[in-house]
C-alpha atoms as a PDB file:
ATOM      1  CA  MET A   1     124.514 147.077  31.844  1.00  0.00           C
ATOM      2  CA  SER A   2     126.848 147.082  34.712  1.00  0.00           C
ATOM      3  CA  ILE A   3     124.229 148.617  36.964  1.00  0.00           C
ATOM      4  CA  GLU A   4     121.629 146.017  35.935  1.00  0.00           C
ATOM      5  CA  LEU A   5     124.102 143.225  36.611  1.00  0.00           C
ATOM      6  CA  THR A   6     124.914 144.702  40.005  1.00  0.00           C
ATOM      7  CA  ILE A   7     121.208 144.976  40.852  1.00  0.00           C
ATOM      8  CA  LEU A   8     120.615 141.422  39.632  1.00  0.00           C
ATOM      9  CA  ILE A   9     123.487 140.101  41.754  1.00  0.00           C
ATOM     10  CA  SER A  10     122.165 142.072  44.743  1.00  0.00           C
ATOM     11  CA  VAL A  11     118.622 140.706  44.281  1.00  0.00           C
ATOM     12  CA  VAL A  12     119.925 137.143  43.907  1.00  0.00           C
ATOM     13  CA  SER A  13     122.139 137.587  46.973  1.00  0.00           C
ATOM     14  CA  VAL A  14     119.295 138.958  49.076  1.00  0.00           C
ATOM     15  CA  SER A  15     116.956 136.213  47.841  1.00  0.00           C
ATOM     16  CA  ALA A  16     119.544 133.547  48.689  1.00  0.00           C
ATOM     17  CA  ALA A  17     120.122 135.088  52.116  1.00  0.00           C
ATOM     18  CA  VAL A  18     116.387 135.137  52.834  1.00  0.00           C
ATOM     19  CA  TYR A  19     115.964 131.575  51.531  1.00  0.00           C
ATOM     20  CA  PHE A  20     118.855 130.151  53.566  1.00  0.00           C
ATOM     21  CA  GLY A  21     117.820 132.199  56.604  1.00  0.00           C
ATOM     22  CA  LEU A  22     114.306 130.786  56.480  1.00  0.00           C
ATOM     23  CA  LYS A  23     115.648 127.291  55.864  1.00  0.00           C
ATOM     24  CA  SER A  24     117.985 127.632  58.842  1.00  0.00           C
ATOM     25  CA  THR A  25     115.160 128.913  61.023  1.00  0.00           C
ATOM     26  CA  ARG A  26     112.909 126.012  59.998  1.00  0.00           C
ATOM     27  CA  ARG A  27     115.700 123.533  60.690  1.00  0.00           C
ATOM     28  CA  ALA A  28     116.279 125.092  64.109  1.00  0.00           C
ATOM     29  CA  GLU A  29     112.544 124.942  64.840  1.00  0.00           C
ATOM     30  CA  LYS A  30     112.448 121.312  63.731  1.00  0.00           C
ATOM     31  CA  GLU A  31     115.404 120.496  65.983  1.00  0.00           C
ATOM     32  CA  ASP A  32     113.710 122.328  68.852  1.00  0.00           C
ATOM     33  CA  VAL A  33     110.510 120.354  68.283  1.00  0.00           C
ATOM     34  CA  GLU A  34     112.463 117.086  68.160  1.00  0.00           C
ATOM     35  CA  SER A  35     114.365 118.051  71.308  1.00  0.00           C
ATOM     36  CA  ASP A  36     111.132 118.971  73.087  1.00  0.00           C
ATOM     37  CA  ALA A  37     109.555 115.689  71.994  1.00  0.00           C
ATOM     38  CA  ALA A  38     112.541 113.727  73.303  1.00  0.00           C
ATOM     39  CA  GLU A  39     112.417 115.575  76.623  1.00  0.00           C
ATOM     40  CA  ARG A  40     108.675 115.028  76.916  1.00  0.00           C
ATOM     41  CA  SER A  41     109.106 111.344  76.154  1.00  0.00           C
ATOM     42  CA  ALA A  42     111.731 111.068  78.880  1.00  0.00           C
ATOM     43  CA  VAL A  43     109.442 112.863  81.332  1.00  0.00           C
ATOM     44  CA  MET A  44     106.541 110.600  80.383  1.00  0.00           C
ATOM     45  CA  VAL A  45     108.661 107.497  80.944  1.00  0.00           C
ATOM     46  CA  LYS A  46     109.722 108.805  84.350  1.00  0.00           C
ATOM     47  CA  LEU A  47     106.120 109.608  85.259  1.00  0.00           C
ATOM     48  CA  GLU A  48     105.022 106.130  84.208  1.00  0.00           C
ATOM     49  CA  ASN A  49     107.777 104.640  86.385  1.00  0.00           C
ATOM     50  CA  ILE A  50     106.625 106.775  89.311  1.00  0.00           C
ATOM     51  CA  GLN A  51     103.033 105.692  88.700  1.00  0.00           C
ATOM     52  CA  THR A  52     104.091 102.041  88.671  1.00  0.00           C
ATOM     53  CA  GLY A  53     105.982 102.569  91.934  1.00  0.00           C
ATOM     54  CA  VAL A  54     102.964 104.213  93.540  1.00  0.00           C
ATOM     55  CA  ILE A  55     100.716 101.346  92.450  1.00  0.00           C
ATOM     56  CA  GLU A  56     103.172  98.834  93.911  1.00  0.00           C
ATOM     57  CA  LEU A  57     103.337 100.784  97.170  1.00  0.00           C
ATOM     58  CA  ARG A  58      99.545 100.878  97.372  1.00  0.00           C
ATOM     59  CA  THR A  59      99.411  97.132  96.855  1.00  0.00           C
ATOM     60  CA  GLU A  60     102.024  96.578  99.570  1.00  0.00           C
ATOM     61  CA  LEU A  61     100.230  98.955 101.921  1.00  0.00           C
ATOM     62  CA  LYS A  62      96.980  97.095 101.381  1.00  0.00           C
ATOM     63  CA  SER A  63      98.764  93.827 102.094  1.00  0.00           C
ATOM     64  CA  TYR A  64     100.264  95.268 105.301  1.00  0.00           C
ATOM     65  CA  LYS A  65      96.861  96.549 106.395  1.00  0.00           C
ATOM     66  CA  GLU A  66      95.334  93.124 105.852  1.00  0.00           C
ATOM     67  CA  GLU A  67      98.185  91.495 107.785  1.00  0.00           C
ATOM     68  CA  MET A  68      97.766  93.979 110.651  1.00  0.00           C
ATOM     69  CA  GLN A  69      94.038  93.241 110.729  1.00  0.00           C
ATOM     70  CA  ARG A  70      94.770  89.516 110.874  1.00  0.00           C
ATOM     71  CA  ILE A  71      97.299  90.049 113.678  1.00  0.00           C
ATOM     72  CA  ASN A  72      94.827  92.225 115.612  1.00  0.00           C
ATOM     73  CA  GLU A  73      92.140  89.570 115.310  1.00  0.00           C
ATOM     74  CA  GLN A  74      94.579  86.879 116.459  1.00  0.00           C
ATOM     75  CA  THR A  75      95.615  89.039 119.404  1.00  0.00           C
ATOM     76  CA  ILE A  76      91.979  89.480 120.407  1.00  0.00           C
ATOM     77  CA  ARG A  77      91.408  85.714 120.236  1.00  0.00           C
ATOM     78  CA  ASN A  78      94.572  85.085 122.277  1.00  0.00           C
ATOM     79  CA  GLU A  79      93.507  87.608 124.919  1.00  0.00           C
ATOM     80  CA  GLU A  80      90.066  85.990 125.151  1.00  0.00           C
ATOM     81  CA  SER A  81      91.661  82.571 125.466  1.00  0.00           C
ATOM     82  CA  LEU A  82      94.048  83.834 128.143  1.00  0.00           C
ATOM     83  CA  LYS A  83      91.162  85.383 130.056  1.00  0.00           C
ATOM     84  CA  SER A  84      89.315  82.064 129.919  1.00  0.00           C
ATOM     85  CA  LEU A  85      92.445  80.260 131.099  1.00  0.00           C
ATOM     86  CA  HIS A  86      92.791  82.624 134.059  1.00  0.00           C
ATOM     87  CA  LYS A  87      89.190  81.926 135.055  1.00  0.00           C
ATOM     88  CA  ARG A  88      89.826  78.160 134.946  1.00  0.00           C
ATOM     89  CA  VAL A  89      93.009  78.555 136.993  1.00  0.00           C
ATOM     90  CA  ASP A  90      91.156  80.660 139.569  1.00  0.00           C
ATOM     91  CA  ARG A  91      88.444  77.985 139.836  1.00  0.00           C
ATOM     92  CA  MET A  92      91.074  75.249 140.223  1.00  0.00           C
ATOM     93  CA  GLU A  93      92.819  77.232 142.948  1.00  0.00           C
ATOM     94  CA  ALA A  94      89.510  77.671 144.740  1.00  0.00           C
ATOM     95  CA  LEU A  95      88.811  73.937 144.485  1.00  0.00           C
ATOM     96  CA  LEU A  96      92.285  73.113 145.753  1.00  0.00           C
ATOM     97  CA  GLN A  97      91.827  75.387 148.732  1.00  0.00           C
ATOM     98  CA  LEU A  98      88.565  73.592 149.593  1.00  0.00           C
ATOM     99  CA  THR A  99      90.090  70.126 149.332  1.00  0.00           C
ATOM    100  CA  GLU A 100      93.361  70.855 151.134  1.00  0.00           C
ATOM    101  CA  PRO A 101      93.438  69.721 154.717  1.00  0.00           C
ATOM    102  CA  HIS A 102      94.063  72.668 156.957  1.00  0.00           C
ATOM    103  CA  ASP A 103      96.599  72.233 159.667  1.00  0.00           C
ATOM    104  CA  HIS A 104      95.368  74.800 162.134  1.00  0.00           C
ATOM    105  CA  ALA A 105      98.321  74.185 164.361  1.00  0.00           C
ATOM    106  CA  LYS A 106     100.660  75.636 161.774  1.00  0.00           C
ATOM    107  CA  ASP A 107      98.488  78.717 161.185  1.00  0.00           C
END
């Protein structure tokens, strides 16, 4: 009976070792899955923040492009106006030269 008891204790011990080993492995796998999920969540949050930043930058860039276009158009209008002003000044100078009395003695 002593041998049967020893075999029984050995079988129970091996069964317990296998059971607790499997349980430990499952717990470790579960912790790994939870850890991976937490890391993925953190990465997703960071990616969403980056995406939000990129969208904001695109919006700002579009705004700057529109402002530059407006400034370019204003510059073109100012240059046209200045050109027109120069023409009027040239005509006024020509008219003044025609109406000025010439003192040929001074020339």
